[in-house]
Amino acid sequence: MLPLPSRPNRYSRRVAATMTRNQPVAPQTRRGLLRALLDRFGHLVHEMSKFATVGGLAFLVDLALFNYLASVRHMPPVAAKTISTVIAATLAFLGNRFWTWRHRQRSHPAREYALFFFFNGVGLGIAVACLAISRYGLGSVWPGVFQTPLADNIASFVVGTGLGTLFRFWSYRRFVFVEAGTPPVPGTSHDRESGA
């Protein structure tokens, strides 16, 4: 074998460059981190975006109906909020069942519907409680500030709906539209031989 020249020539540089291209290269930090986060939480982001779309449409129905019932029909705010939320929740159930979590395991429709409305009732309770605390609790101290349509909308739709939405996403995902079970992994030949 001939000794390598001490000074690299063009051929040796080209061979070295070719050899390093085939070597594994550490991933770029930002892109690698982003890819790892998307691989780990991508399904959750996808579900949250669909949930937010369905929730946004239901929110618009809730907002419009609440203001119509409270302002035009002069219904008491808590009653108007209850009616608007029940109607919006029905639309949200249909959107979430048949779009957001359509890939999830289906259980009996009556079970899903009952659990959905139970947890939605808790979410409604959160929104109505925020409205009642604002209107009747804080409103008894500062009626000019907290017994106004603006304060009703902020308490109901900003604070109440925000807290209720977080609760609903968690509860629907955890209890109503359950994750399908992981299929069992078949044993390897080594496991069969050892009797494990």
N, C-alpha and C. Protein backbone atom coordinates (compact mmCIF):
# COMPACT_ATOMS: atom_id res chain seq x y z
N MET A 1 0.83 -1.17 0.00
CA MET A 1 0.00 0.00 0.00
C MET A 1 0.88 1.24 0.00
N LEU A 2 0.54 2.20 -0.78
CA LEU A 2 1.32 3.42 -0.87
C LEU A 2 0.93 4.38 0.25
N PRO A 3 1.87 5.05 0.83
CA PRO A 3 1.54 6.03 1.87
C PRO A 3 0.80 7.21 1.27
N LEU A 4 -0.08 7.76 2.03
CA LEU A 4 -0.84 8.93 1.57
C LEU A 4 0.06 10.15 1.57
N PRO A 5 -0.13 11.01 0.57
CA PRO A 5 0.69 12.23 0.55
C PRO A 5 0.35 13.10 1.75
N SER A 6 1.34 13.83 2.23
CA SER A 6 1.13 14.67 3.39
C SER A 6 0.24 15.87 3.07
N ARG A 7 0.29 16.31 1.83
CA ARG A 7 -0.54 17.43 1.40
C ARG A 7 -1.73 16.92 0.62
N PRO A 8 -2.98 17.26 1.02
CA PRO A 8 -4.13 16.74 0.28
C PRO A 8 -4.22 17.34 -1.12
N ASN A 9 -4.52 16.48 -2.08
CA ASN A 9 -4.74 16.97 -3.44
C ASN A 9 -6.24 17.08 -3.71
N ARG A 10 -6.57 17.44 -4.95
CA ARG A 10 -7.98 17.59 -5.30
C ARG A 10 -8.77 16.30 -5.13
N TYR A 11 -8.19 15.20 -5.52
CA TYR A 11 -8.87 13.91 -5.43
C TYR A 11 -9.16 13.56 -3.97
N SER A 12 -8.20 13.72 -3.09
CA SER A 12 -8.42 13.36 -1.68
C SER A 12 -9.46 14.27 -1.03
N ARG A 13 -9.51 15.55 -1.44
CA ARG A 13 -10.53 16.46 -0.91
C ARG A 13 -11.91 16.03 -1.36
N ARG A 14 -12.02 15.61 -2.63
CA ARG A 14 -13.31 15.17 -3.15
C ARG A 14 -13.78 13.89 -2.46
N VAL A 15 -12.89 12.97 -2.22
CA VAL A 15 -13.24 11.73 -1.54
C VAL A 15 -13.66 12.03 -0.10
N ALA A 16 -12.96 12.89 0.57
CA ALA A 16 -13.30 13.25 1.94
C ALA A 16 -14.66 13.92 2.00
N ALA A 17 -14.94 14.80 1.03
CA ALA A 17 -16.24 15.48 0.99
C ALA A 17 -17.35 14.48 0.74
N THR A 18 -17.11 13.51 -0.16
CA THR A 18 -18.11 12.50 -0.45
C THR A 18 -18.37 11.63 0.76
N MET A 19 -17.33 11.28 1.45
CA MET A 19 -17.48 10.41 2.62
C MET A 19 -18.24 11.12 3.74
N THR A 20 -18.02 12.40 3.92
CA THR A 20 -18.72 13.11 5.00
C THR A 20 -20.19 13.34 4.68
N ARG A 21 -20.55 13.36 3.39
CA ARG A 21 -21.96 13.55 3.05
C ARG A 21 -22.80 12.36 3.48
N ASN A 22 -22.23 11.19 3.48
CA ASN A 22 -22.97 10.00 3.85
C ASN A 22 -23.03 9.78 5.35
N GLN A 23 -22.26 10.53 6.09
CA GLN A 23 -22.24 10.38 7.54
C GLN A 23 -23.48 11.05 8.14
N PRO A 24 -24.03 10.49 9.21
CA PRO A 24 -25.18 11.16 9.84
C PRO A 24 -24.77 12.50 10.41
N VAL A 25 -25.62 13.47 10.16
CA VAL A 25 -25.37 14.83 10.62
C VAL A 25 -26.38 15.14 11.71
N ALA A 26 -25.93 15.81 12.75
CA ALA A 26 -26.85 16.19 13.83
C ALA A 26 -27.93 17.09 13.28
N PRO A 27 -29.19 16.90 13.68
CA PRO A 27 -30.27 17.75 13.16
C PRO A 27 -30.11 19.19 13.63
N GLN A 28 -30.62 20.07 12.79
CA GLN A 28 -30.58 21.48 13.18
C GLN A 28 -31.45 21.66 14.41
N THR A 29 -31.00 22.46 15.32
CA THR A 29 -31.65 22.56 16.62
C THR A 29 -33.09 23.03 16.52
N ARG A 30 -33.33 24.14 15.85
CA ARG A 30 -34.70 24.65 15.77
C ARG A 30 -35.61 23.72 15.00
N ARG A 31 -35.15 23.29 13.85
CA ARG A 31 -36.00 22.43 13.03
C ARG A 31 -36.21 21.08 13.72
N GLY A 32 -35.19 20.56 14.36
CA GLY A 32 -35.31 19.30 15.07
C GLY A 32 -36.27 19.41 16.24
N LEU A 33 -36.20 20.51 16.97
CA LEU A 33 -37.10 20.71 18.11
C LEU A 33 -38.54 20.87 17.63
N LEU A 34 -38.73 21.65 16.58
CA LEU A 34 -40.08 21.85 16.03
C LEU A 34 -40.65 20.53 15.53
N ARG A 35 -39.84 19.75 14.83
CA ARG A 35 -40.28 18.46 14.31
C ARG A 35 -40.66 17.52 15.47
N ALA A 36 -39.84 17.51 16.51
CA ALA A 36 -40.12 16.65 17.67
C ALA A 36 -41.42 17.06 18.35
N LEU A 37 -41.65 18.37 18.48
CA LEU A 37 -42.90 18.85 19.09
C LEU A 37 -44.10 18.49 18.24
N LEU A 38 -43.97 18.65 16.91
CA LEU A 38 -45.09 18.30 16.01
C LEU A 38 -45.36 16.81 16.03
N ASP A 39 -44.29 16.00 16.08
CA ASP A 39 -44.50 14.55 16.14
C ASP A 39 -45.21 14.16 17.43
N ARG A 40 -44.86 14.82 18.51
CA ARG A 40 -45.43 14.46 19.81
C ARG A 40 -46.83 15.04 20.02
N PHE A 41 -47.03 16.31 19.61
CA PHE A 41 -48.29 17.00 19.91
C PHE A 41 -49.10 17.37 18.67
N GLY A 42 -48.71 16.92 17.49
CA GLY A 42 -49.40 17.29 16.26
C GLY A 42 -50.86 16.89 16.25
N HIS A 43 -51.16 15.68 16.73
CA HIS A 43 -52.55 15.23 16.77
C HIS A 43 -53.38 16.10 17.71
N LEU A 44 -52.76 16.55 18.81
CA LEU A 44 -53.47 17.39 19.76
C LEU A 44 -53.75 18.77 19.15
N VAL A 45 -52.76 19.32 18.43
CA VAL A 45 -52.95 20.61 17.75
C VAL A 45 -54.05 20.49 16.70
N HIS A 46 -54.05 19.38 15.97
CA HIS A 46 -55.07 19.16 14.95
C HIS A 46 -56.47 19.09 15.58
N GLU A 47 -56.59 18.35 16.68
CA GLU A 47 -57.89 18.27 17.37
C GLU A 47 -58.29 19.62 17.93
N MET A 48 -57.35 20.35 18.51
CA MET A 48 -57.67 21.65 19.09
C MET A 48 -58.13 22.63 18.03
N SER A 49 -57.52 22.59 16.84
CA SER A 49 -57.94 23.52 15.79
C SER A 49 -59.35 23.21 15.31
N LYS A 50 -59.69 21.93 15.19
CA LYS A 50 -61.06 21.57 14.81
C LYS A 50 -62.04 21.94 15.92
N PHE A 51 -61.65 21.65 17.16
CA PHE A 51 -62.49 21.99 18.31
C PHE A 51 -62.72 23.50 18.37
N ALA A 52 -61.68 24.28 18.08
CA ALA A 52 -61.81 25.74 18.10
C ALA A 52 -62.73 26.22 16.98
N THR A 53 -62.68 25.58 15.82
CA THR A 53 -63.56 25.97 14.71
C THR A 53 -65.02 25.70 15.06
N VAL A 54 -65.28 24.50 15.55
CA VAL A 54 -66.65 24.15 15.96
C VAL A 54 -67.10 25.08 17.08
N GLY A 55 -66.22 25.27 18.06
CA GLY A 55 -66.54 26.15 19.18
C GLY A 55 -66.76 27.59 18.75
N GLY A 56 -65.99 28.05 17.77
CA GLY A 56 -66.17 29.42 17.26
C GLY A 56 -67.54 29.62 16.63
N LEU A 57 -67.98 28.64 15.85
CA LEU A 57 -69.31 28.73 15.24
C LEU A 57 -70.40 28.67 16.32
N ALA A 58 -70.24 27.77 17.28
CA ALA A 58 -71.21 27.68 18.36
C ALA A 58 -71.21 28.96 19.19
N PHE A 59 -70.03 29.55 19.37
CA PHE A 59 -69.91 30.81 20.11
C PHE A 59 -70.68 31.93 19.42
N LEU A 60 -70.56 32.01 18.09
CA LEU A 60 -71.30 33.05 17.35
C LEU A 60 -72.81 32.86 17.48
N VAL A 61 -73.26 31.61 17.42
CA VAL A 61 -74.69 31.33 17.61
C VAL A 61 -75.11 31.73 19.02
N ASP A 62 -74.30 31.36 20.00
CA ASP A 62 -74.58 31.68 21.40
C ASP A 62 -74.64 33.20 21.61
N LEU A 63 -73.65 33.90 21.09
CA LEU A 63 -73.57 35.36 21.24
C LEU A 63 -74.77 36.06 20.60
N ALA A 64 -75.07 35.70 19.36
CA ALA A 64 -76.17 36.34 18.64
C ALA A 64 -77.51 36.05 19.31
N LEU A 65 -77.72 34.79 19.70
CA LEU A 65 -78.99 34.42 20.30
C LEU A 65 -79.15 35.05 21.69
N PHE A 66 -78.07 35.07 22.47
CA PHE A 66 -78.14 35.69 23.80
C PHE A 66 -78.51 37.17 23.69
N ASN A 67 -77.84 37.89 22.81
CA ASN A 67 -78.12 39.32 22.67
C ASN A 67 -79.51 39.57 22.10
N TYR A 68 -79.96 38.70 21.20
CA TYR A 68 -81.32 38.84 20.67
C TYR A 68 -82.35 38.64 21.79
N LEU A 69 -82.19 37.56 22.56
CA LEU A 69 -83.16 37.27 23.62
C LEU A 69 -83.12 38.31 24.74
N ALA A 70 -81.91 38.75 25.11
CA ALA A 70 -81.79 39.71 26.23
C ALA A 70 -82.16 41.13 25.81
N SER A 71 -81.74 41.54 24.61
CA SER A 71 -81.95 42.94 24.21
C SER A 71 -83.25 43.17 23.45
N VAL A 72 -83.57 42.30 22.51
CA VAL A 72 -84.75 42.50 21.68
C VAL A 72 -86.00 41.93 22.37
N ARG A 73 -85.89 40.72 22.91
CA ARG A 73 -87.04 40.07 23.55
C ARG A 73 -87.16 40.42 25.03
N HIS A 74 -86.19 41.15 25.59
CA HIS A 74 -86.16 41.60 26.98
C HIS A 74 -86.31 40.46 27.99
N MET A 75 -85.64 39.36 27.69
CA MET A 75 -85.63 38.21 28.59
C MET A 75 -84.57 38.45 29.66
N PRO A 76 -84.74 37.95 30.87
CA PRO A 76 -83.69 38.09 31.89
C PRO A 76 -82.37 37.48 31.39
N PRO A 77 -81.23 38.13 31.67
CA PRO A 77 -79.95 37.68 31.12
C PRO A 77 -79.59 36.23 31.42
N VAL A 78 -79.85 35.76 32.64
CA VAL A 78 -79.49 34.38 32.97
C VAL A 78 -80.33 33.39 32.17
N ALA A 79 -81.62 33.65 32.01
CA ALA A 79 -82.49 32.78 31.21
C ALA A 79 -82.08 32.82 29.73
N ALA A 80 -81.76 34.00 29.22
CA ALA A 80 -81.33 34.13 27.83
C ALA A 80 -80.03 33.36 27.60
N LYS A 81 -79.11 33.43 28.56
CA LYS A 81 -77.84 32.72 28.45
C LYS A 81 -78.06 31.21 28.47
N THR A 82 -78.97 30.74 29.29
CA THR A 82 -79.24 29.31 29.37
C THR A 82 -79.79 28.79 28.04
N ILE A 83 -80.76 29.49 27.47
CA ILE A 83 -81.36 29.06 26.20
C ILE A 83 -80.33 29.11 25.06
N SER A 84 -79.58 30.20 24.98
CA SER A 84 -78.60 30.32 23.88
C SER A 84 -77.51 29.26 24.00
N THR A 85 -77.13 28.91 25.21
CA THR A 85 -76.08 27.91 25.38
C THR A 85 -76.58 26.51 25.03
N VAL A 86 -77.80 26.18 25.36
CA VAL A 86 -78.34 24.86 25.02
C VAL A 86 -78.41 24.69 23.50
N ILE A 87 -78.84 25.70 22.79
CA ILE A 87 -78.91 25.61 21.33
C ILE A 87 -77.51 25.54 20.72
N ALA A 88 -76.61 26.37 21.19
CA ALA A 88 -75.24 26.34 20.69
C ALA A 88 -74.56 25.01 21.01
N ALA A 89 -74.87 24.43 22.17
CA ALA A 89 -74.27 23.16 22.56
C ALA A 89 -74.72 22.02 21.65
N THR A 90 -75.97 22.06 21.21
CA THR A 90 -76.45 21.03 20.29
C THR A 90 -75.67 21.08 18.99
N LEU A 91 -75.43 22.27 18.47
CA LEU A 91 -74.62 22.41 17.26
C LEU A 91 -73.19 21.95 17.51
N ALA A 92 -72.65 22.27 18.67
CA ALA A 92 -71.28 21.86 19.00
C ALA A 92 -71.16 20.35 19.11
N PHE A 93 -72.17 19.69 19.68
CA PHE A 93 -72.14 18.23 19.77
C PHE A 93 -72.03 17.62 18.38
N LEU A 94 -72.87 18.07 17.48
CA LEU A 94 -72.87 17.51 16.12
C LEU A 94 -71.53 17.75 15.43
N GLY A 95 -70.99 18.96 15.57
CA GLY A 95 -69.70 19.27 14.94
C GLY A 95 -68.56 18.47 15.53
N ASN A 96 -68.54 18.33 16.85
CA ASN A 96 -67.46 17.58 17.48
C ASN A 96 -67.56 16.08 17.22
N ARG A 97 -68.77 15.54 17.26
CA ARG A 97 -68.93 14.09 17.04
C ARG A 97 -68.58 13.70 15.62
N PHE A 98 -69.04 14.50 14.65
CA PHE A 98 -68.91 14.09 13.26
C PHE A 98 -67.76 14.77 12.52
N TRP A 99 -66.98 15.63 13.21
CA TRP A 99 -65.83 16.25 12.55
C TRP A 99 -64.60 16.23 13.44
N THR A 100 -64.64 16.84 14.62
CA THR A 100 -63.45 16.95 15.45
C THR A 100 -62.92 15.59 15.87
N TRP A 101 -63.78 14.75 16.45
CA TRP A 101 -63.35 13.46 16.96
C TRP A 101 -63.98 12.31 16.20
N ARG A 102 -64.17 12.46 14.91
CA ARG A 102 -64.78 11.38 14.13
C ARG A 102 -63.87 10.16 14.04
N HIS A 103 -62.55 10.36 14.22
CA HIS A 103 -61.60 9.26 14.16
C HIS A 103 -61.56 8.44 15.45
N ARG A 104 -62.22 8.92 16.48
CA ARG A 104 -62.19 8.23 17.77
C ARG A 104 -63.21 7.10 17.80
N GLN A 105 -62.99 6.20 18.73
CA GLN A 105 -63.87 5.06 18.93
C GLN A 105 -65.29 5.54 19.21
N ARG A 106 -66.25 4.89 18.58
CA ARG A 106 -67.65 5.26 18.79
C ARG A 106 -68.25 4.38 19.87
N SER A 107 -68.91 5.02 20.80
CA SER A 107 -69.65 4.25 21.79
C SER A 107 -71.13 4.45 21.48
N HIS A 108 -71.97 4.03 22.36
CA HIS A 108 -73.41 4.17 22.14
C HIS A 108 -73.75 5.65 22.01
N PRO A 109 -74.50 6.06 20.98
CA PRO A 109 -74.80 7.49 20.79
C PRO A 109 -75.51 8.13 21.98
N ALA A 110 -76.37 7.38 22.64
CA ALA A 110 -77.08 7.94 23.80
C ALA A 110 -76.10 8.25 24.92
N ARG A 111 -75.09 7.39 25.11
CA ARG A 111 -74.06 7.61 26.13
C ARG A 111 -73.27 8.87 25.81
N GLU A 112 -72.82 8.99 24.54
CA GLU A 112 -72.06 10.18 24.14
C GLU A 112 -72.89 11.44 24.33
N TYR A 113 -74.13 11.38 23.89
CA TYR A 113 -75.01 12.55 23.97
C TYR A 113 -75.23 12.96 25.43
N ALA A 114 -75.50 11.96 26.29
CA ALA A 114 -75.75 12.25 27.70
C ALA A 114 -74.50 12.83 28.37
N LEU A 115 -73.34 12.22 28.14
CA LEU A 115 -72.10 12.74 28.73
C LEU A 115 -71.76 14.12 28.18
N PHE A 116 -71.95 14.30 26.87
CA PHE A 116 -71.67 15.59 26.26
C PHE A 116 -72.50 16.68 26.93
N PHE A 117 -73.79 16.43 27.10
CA PHE A 117 -74.64 17.46 27.70
C PHE A 117 -74.43 17.60 29.20
N PHE A 118 -73.99 16.53 29.86
CA PHE A 118 -73.64 16.66 31.27
C PHE A 118 -72.44 17.61 31.41
N PHE A 119 -71.38 17.34 30.65
CA PHE A 119 -70.19 18.19 30.75
C PHE A 119 -70.45 19.59 30.18
N ASN A 120 -71.33 19.65 29.20
CA ASN A 120 -71.70 20.97 28.68
C ASN A 120 -72.51 21.73 29.72
N GLY A 121 -73.31 21.00 30.51
CA GLY A 121 -74.04 21.63 31.61
C GLY A 121 -73.10 22.21 32.65
N VAL A 122 -72.01 21.49 32.91
CA VAL A 122 -71.01 22.04 33.83
C VAL A 122 -70.37 23.29 33.22
N GLY A 123 -70.07 23.23 31.90
CA GLY A 123 -69.53 24.42 31.21
C GLY A 123 -70.52 25.57 31.23
N LEU A 124 -71.81 25.26 31.04
CA LEU A 124 -72.86 26.27 31.13
C LEU A 124 -72.90 26.85 32.53
N GLY A 125 -72.78 25.97 33.54
CA GLY A 125 -72.76 26.44 34.92
C GLY A 125 -71.61 27.40 35.18
N ILE A 126 -70.46 27.12 34.58
CA ILE A 126 -69.30 28.01 34.74
C ILE A 126 -69.61 29.38 34.13
N ALA A 127 -70.17 29.39 32.90
CA ALA A 127 -70.48 30.66 32.24
C ALA A 127 -71.58 31.43 32.96
N VAL A 128 -72.62 30.72 33.39
CA VAL A 128 -73.73 31.38 34.09
C VAL A 128 -73.27 31.89 35.45
N ALA A 129 -72.40 31.12 36.13
CA ALA A 129 -71.88 31.56 37.42
C ALA A 129 -71.07 32.84 37.26
N CYS A 130 -70.25 32.91 36.21
CA CYS A 130 -69.48 34.14 35.97
C CYS A 130 -70.41 35.32 35.72
N LEU A 131 -71.48 35.10 34.93
CA LEU A 131 -72.45 36.15 34.67
C LEU A 131 -73.18 36.55 35.94
N ALA A 132 -73.60 35.58 36.74
CA ALA A 132 -74.35 35.87 37.97
C ALA A 132 -73.47 36.60 38.99
N ILE A 133 -72.22 36.18 39.12
CA ILE A 133 -71.30 36.87 40.04
C ILE A 133 -71.10 38.32 39.61
N SER A 134 -70.95 38.51 38.30
CA SER A 134 -70.76 39.87 37.79
C SER A 134 -72.01 40.72 37.99
N ARG A 135 -73.15 40.20 37.54
CA ARG A 135 -74.39 41.00 37.54
C ARG A 135 -74.96 41.19 38.94
N TYR A 136 -75.04 40.12 39.70
CA TYR A 136 -75.72 40.21 40.99
C TYR A 136 -74.77 40.39 42.17
N GLY A 137 -73.57 39.84 42.08
CA GLY A 137 -72.60 40.00 43.16
C GLY A 137 -71.91 41.36 43.08
N LEU A 138 -71.12 41.54 42.02
CA LEU A 138 -70.41 42.81 41.84
C LEU A 138 -71.37 43.93 41.45
N GLY A 139 -72.48 43.56 40.77
CA GLY A 139 -73.47 44.57 40.38
C GLY A 139 -74.20 45.20 41.55
N SER A 140 -74.29 44.49 42.66
CA SER A 140 -74.92 45.08 43.85
C SER A 140 -74.02 46.14 44.48
N VAL A 141 -72.73 46.03 44.25
CA VAL A 141 -71.78 47.02 44.78
C VAL A 141 -71.61 48.18 43.80
N TRP A 142 -71.42 47.85 42.50
CA TRP A 142 -71.22 48.87 41.46
C TRP A 142 -72.22 48.63 40.33
N PRO A 143 -73.49 49.00 40.53
CA PRO A 143 -74.50 48.71 39.50
C PRO A 143 -74.25 49.44 38.18
N GLY A 144 -73.67 50.63 38.23
CA GLY A 144 -73.43 51.37 36.99
C GLY A 144 -72.37 50.73 36.12
N VAL A 145 -71.53 49.87 36.70
CA VAL A 145 -70.46 49.21 35.96
C VAL A 145 -70.83 47.78 35.58
N PHE A 146 -71.34 47.00 36.55
CA PHE A 146 -71.54 45.58 36.35
C PHE A 146 -72.95 45.18 35.96
N GLN A 147 -73.90 46.09 35.93
CA GLN A 147 -75.25 45.76 35.47
C GLN A 147 -75.53 46.45 34.14
N THR A 148 -74.61 46.27 33.22
CA THR A 148 -74.73 46.84 31.87
C THR A 148 -74.60 45.71 30.85
N PRO A 149 -75.10 45.92 29.64
CA PRO A 149 -74.94 44.88 28.60
C PRO A 149 -73.47 44.56 28.31
N LEU A 150 -72.59 45.56 28.36
CA LEU A 150 -71.17 45.30 28.13
C LEU A 150 -70.60 44.38 29.20
N ALA A 151 -70.90 44.66 30.47
CA ALA A 151 -70.41 43.81 31.56
C ALA A 151 -70.99 42.40 31.47
N ASP A 152 -72.27 42.29 31.07
CA ASP A 152 -72.88 40.97 30.90
C ASP A 152 -72.15 40.16 29.82
N ASN A 153 -71.84 40.82 28.71
CA ASN A 153 -71.14 40.13 27.62
C ASN A 153 -69.71 39.74 28.01
N ILE A 154 -69.02 40.63 28.72
CA ILE A 154 -67.65 40.30 29.14
C ILE A 154 -67.66 39.14 30.13
N ALA A 155 -68.54 39.21 31.13
CA ALA A 155 -68.59 38.15 32.14
C ALA A 155 -69.01 36.82 31.53
N SER A 156 -69.97 36.86 30.63
CA SER A 156 -70.50 35.64 30.05
C SER A 156 -69.60 35.07 28.96
N PHE A 157 -69.21 35.93 28.00
CA PHE A 157 -68.53 35.42 26.81
C PHE A 157 -67.02 35.46 26.88
N VAL A 158 -66.44 36.34 27.64
CA VAL A 158 -64.98 36.36 27.73
C VAL A 158 -64.53 35.46 28.87
N VAL A 159 -64.98 35.77 30.08
CA VAL A 159 -64.54 35.01 31.25
C VAL A 159 -65.23 33.64 31.30
N GLY A 160 -66.55 33.63 31.26
CA GLY A 160 -67.30 32.38 31.39
C GLY A 160 -67.03 31.40 30.26
N THR A 161 -67.08 31.87 29.03
CA THR A 161 -66.85 30.98 27.90
C THR A 161 -65.40 30.51 27.86
N GLY A 162 -64.46 31.38 28.22
CA GLY A 162 -63.06 30.98 28.25
C GLY A 162 -62.81 29.84 29.22
N LEU A 163 -63.30 30.00 30.46
CA LEU A 163 -63.12 28.94 31.46
C LEU A 163 -63.91 27.69 31.09
N GLY A 164 -65.12 27.89 30.60
CA GLY A 164 -65.94 26.75 30.19
C GLY A 164 -65.34 25.98 29.02
N THR A 165 -64.72 26.67 28.08
CA THR A 165 -64.10 26.02 26.92
C THR A 165 -62.94 25.13 27.33
N LEU A 166 -62.11 25.62 28.23
CA LEU A 166 -61.00 24.79 28.72
C LEU A 166 -61.52 23.52 29.38
N PHE A 167 -62.55 23.68 30.20
CA PHE A 167 -63.15 22.51 30.86
C PHE A 167 -63.76 21.57 29.83
N ARG A 168 -64.48 22.09 28.86
CA ARG A 168 -65.15 21.25 27.86
C ARG A 168 -64.14 20.45 27.03
N PHE A 169 -63.08 21.11 26.56
CA PHE A 169 -62.09 20.39 25.74
C PHE A 169 -61.52 19.21 26.52
N TRP A 170 -61.14 19.46 27.76
CA TRP A 170 -60.57 18.40 28.58
C TRP A 170 -61.58 17.27 28.80
N SER A 171 -62.80 17.63 29.18
CA SER A 171 -63.79 16.59 29.51
C SER A 171 -64.28 15.84 28.28
N TYR A 172 -64.50 16.49 27.14
CA TYR A 172 -64.94 15.79 25.94
C TYR A 172 -63.88 14.80 25.49
N ARG A 173 -62.63 15.27 25.50
CA ARG A 173 -61.52 14.44 25.05
C ARG A 173 -61.30 13.26 25.99
N ARG A 174 -61.50 13.48 27.27
CA ARG A 174 -61.20 12.46 28.28
C ARG A 174 -62.35 11.48 28.48
N PHE A 175 -63.59 11.94 28.44
CA PHE A 175 -64.72 11.10 28.83
C PHE A 175 -65.75 10.82 27.74
N VAL A 176 -65.96 11.76 26.82
CA VAL A 176 -67.06 11.61 25.86
C VAL A 176 -66.59 10.90 24.60
N PHE A 177 -65.63 11.49 23.89
CA PHE A 177 -65.12 10.91 22.65
C PHE A 177 -63.79 10.24 22.98
N VAL A 178 -63.86 9.03 23.52
CA VAL A 178 -62.68 8.39 24.08
C VAL A 178 -61.74 7.90 23.00
N GLU A 179 -60.47 7.81 23.37
CA GLU A 179 -59.43 7.31 22.48
C GLU A 179 -59.63 5.82 22.29
N ALA A 180 -59.49 5.38 21.06
CA ALA A 180 -59.60 3.94 20.80
C ALA A 180 -58.42 3.23 21.47
N GLY A 181 -58.67 2.02 21.95
CA GLY A 181 -57.61 1.27 22.63
C GLY A 181 -56.49 0.93 21.68
N THR A 182 -55.28 0.83 22.20
CA THR A 182 -54.12 0.45 21.40
C THR A 182 -54.21 -1.04 21.11
N PRO A 183 -54.07 -1.43 19.83
CA PRO A 183 -54.16 -2.86 19.52
C PRO A 183 -52.99 -3.61 20.15
N PRO A 184 -53.23 -4.85 20.57
CA PRO A 184 -52.14 -5.59 21.19
C PRO A 184 -51.02 -5.87 20.19
N VAL A 185 -49.79 -5.84 20.68
CA VAL A 185 -48.62 -6.09 19.83
C VAL A 185 -48.37 -7.59 19.83
N PRO A 186 -48.28 -8.21 18.65
CA PRO A 186 -48.03 -9.65 18.62
C PRO A 186 -46.64 -9.94 19.18
N GLY A 187 -46.51 -11.05 19.90
CA GLY A 187 -45.23 -11.42 20.49
C GLY A 187 -44.22 -11.80 19.42
N THR A 188 -42.95 -11.59 19.70
CA THR A 188 -41.89 -11.97 18.76
C THR A 188 -41.63 -13.45 18.93
N SER A 189 -40.85 -14.02 18.02
CA SER A 189 -40.54 -15.44 18.09
C SER A 189 -39.74 -15.75 19.35
N HIS A 190 -38.91 -14.81 19.80
CA HIS A 190 -38.12 -15.00 21.03
C HIS A 190 -39.06 -15.11 22.24
N ASP A 191 -40.11 -14.29 22.26
CA ASP A 191 -41.07 -14.34 23.36
C ASP A 191 -41.82 -15.67 23.38
N ARG A 192 -42.16 -16.18 22.19
CA ARG A 192 -42.89 -17.44 22.12
C ARG A 192 -42.03 -18.60 22.59
N GLU A 193 -40.72 -18.55 22.21
CA GLU A 193 -39.83 -19.64 22.58
C GLU A 193 -39.61 -19.67 24.08
N SER A 194 -39.49 -18.48 24.69
CA SER A 194 -39.23 -18.42 26.13
C SER A 194 -40.49 -18.63 26.95
N GLY A 195 -41.64 -18.66 26.27
CA GLY A 195 -42.90 -18.84 26.97
C GLY A 195 -43.42 -17.59 27.60
N ALA A 196 -42.84 -16.40 27.27
CA ALA A 196 -43.28 -15.14 27.85
C ALA A 196 -44.47 -14.61 27.13
